Amino acid sequence: MHYIGFTPAERPGDFIIQKGLRMTYLDVVFNYDSPPGERELRAIDGMREVYGIQRVRFNEKDRTVRVQFDASRLKQDAVAKMLRQAGIDVREPMALA
């Protein structure tokens, strides 16, 4: 499992109060076909520059990528677009229970 963490772990849906800002973190999980290589992982690492991306985790066994993001800043479609631009062939998001 690849893990790219940007800050200490937060639970999905947690609210963070920081300098008067209220953020709602959500998780989205996508399936992918090809495992990410070095180039793709470097591009994913660059996502830390995007304000609102909290964490990206790959599960090679299940071939999924989970992204925790600030829903007040980003939409699920924008997260998928960033992953595709990084070279990850993501599919439609999975329903989380």
Protein backbone atom coordinates (compact mmCIF):
# COMPACT_ATOMS: atom_id res chain seq x y z
CA MET A 1 0.00 0.00 0.00
CA HIS A 2 1.37 3.40 -0.96
CA TYR A 3 0.58 6.24 1.42
CA ILE A 4 1.16 9.88 0.76
CA GLY A 5 0.18 11.85 3.85
CA PHE A 6 0.21 15.58 4.04
CA THR A 7 -0.87 16.17 7.63
CA PRO A 8 -1.71 14.04 10.68
CA ALA A 9 -4.62 11.67 10.12
CA GLU A 10 -8.12 13.03 10.44
CA ARG A 11 -11.33 11.05 10.28
CA PRO A 12 -13.58 11.56 7.22
CA GLY A 13 -16.14 14.25 7.90
CA ASP A 14 -14.11 15.88 10.69
CA PHE A 15 -14.36 19.61 11.01
CA ILE A 16 -11.14 21.56 11.39
CA ILE A 17 -11.14 25.11 12.71
CA GLN A 18 -8.00 26.95 11.62
CA LYS A 19 -7.67 30.72 11.74
CA GLY A 20 -11.43 31.10 11.56
CA LEU A 21 -11.83 28.73 8.59
CA ARG A 22 -14.15 25.75 8.78
CA MET A 23 -13.21 22.77 6.63
CA THR A 24 -15.13 19.55 6.02
CA TYR A 25 -12.93 16.64 5.00
CA LEU A 26 -14.45 13.89 2.87
CA ASP A 27 -13.06 10.72 1.34
CA VAL A 28 -13.53 9.55 -2.22
CA VAL A 29 -12.33 6.15 -3.48
CA PHE A 30 -11.64 5.32 -7.13
CA ASN A 31 -10.72 2.04 -8.83
CA TYR A 32 -7.78 2.04 -11.22
CA ASP A 33 -6.32 -0.46 -13.70
CA SER A 34 -2.56 0.05 -13.86
CA PRO A 35 -0.53 0.42 -10.66
CA PRO A 36 1.17 3.81 -10.37
CA GLY A 37 4.83 4.02 -11.31
CA GLU A 38 7.49 6.38 -10.06
CA ARG A 39 6.44 9.17 -12.43
CA GLU A 40 2.79 8.95 -11.34
CA LEU A 41 3.70 8.88 -7.65
CA ARG A 42 5.85 11.98 -8.08
CA ALA A 43 2.92 13.74 -9.74
CA ILE A 44 0.62 12.64 -6.89
CA ASP A 45 3.17 13.99 -4.43
CA GLY A 46 2.76 17.33 -6.19
CA MET A 47 -0.91 17.35 -5.20
CA ARG A 48 0.23 18.53 -1.76
CA GLU A 49 0.49 21.96 -3.36
CA VAL A 50 -3.27 21.97 -3.96
CA TYR A 51 -5.03 23.61 -1.05
CA GLY A 52 -7.69 21.22 0.21
CA ILE A 53 -6.02 17.87 -0.53
CA GLN A 54 -5.41 16.19 2.80
CA ARG A 55 -4.25 12.65 2.05
CA VAL A 56 -3.84 10.17 -0.84
CA ARG A 57 -3.62 6.41 -0.22
CA PHE A 58 -3.21 3.61 -2.76
CA ASN A 59 -4.32 0.05 -2.03
CA GLU A 60 -2.50 -2.12 -4.56
CA LYS A 61 -4.38 -5.29 -3.56
CA ASP A 62 -7.82 -3.78 -4.22
CA ARG A 63 -6.51 -1.44 -6.93
CA THR A 64 -8.09 1.59 -5.30
CA VAL A 65 -6.94 5.09 -4.48
CA ARG A 66 -8.53 6.98 -1.56
CA VAL A 67 -8.26 10.76 -1.41
CA GLN A 68 -9.25 12.83 1.60
CA PHE A 69 -10.10 16.39 0.59
CA ASP A 70 -11.72 19.58 1.85
CA ALA A 71 -15.24 19.56 0.43
CA SER A 72 -15.57 23.31 0.97
CA ARG A 73 -12.69 23.87 -1.49
CA LEU A 74 -12.87 20.99 -3.98
CA LYS A 75 -15.42 18.75 -5.63
CA GLN A 76 -15.08 15.03 -6.27
CA ASP A 77 -14.78 15.66 -10.03
CA ALA A 78 -11.83 18.00 -9.46
CA VAL A 79 -10.06 15.32 -7.41
CA ALA A 80 -10.60 12.77 -10.20
CA LYS A 81 -9.25 15.25 -12.75
CA MET A 82 -6.08 15.80 -10.70
CA LEU A 83 -5.51 12.05 -10.45
CA ARG A 84 -5.97 11.64 -14.20
CA GLN A 85 -3.57 14.52 -14.89
CA ALA A 86 -1.05 12.70 -12.69
CA GLY A 87 -1.37 9.64 -14.93
CA ILE A 88 -3.68 7.48 -12.80
CA ASP A 89 -6.43 5.82 -14.87
CA VAL A 90 -9.23 6.26 -12.34
CA ARG A 91 -12.78 5.05 -12.97
CA GLU A 92 -16.04 6.23 -11.47
CA PRO A 93 -15.95 6.75 -7.69
CA MET A 94 -16.96 3.86 -5.48
CA ALA A 95 -19.85 4.13 -3.04
CA LEU A 96 -18.55 4.29 0.51
CA ALA A 97 -20.54 2.56 3.22
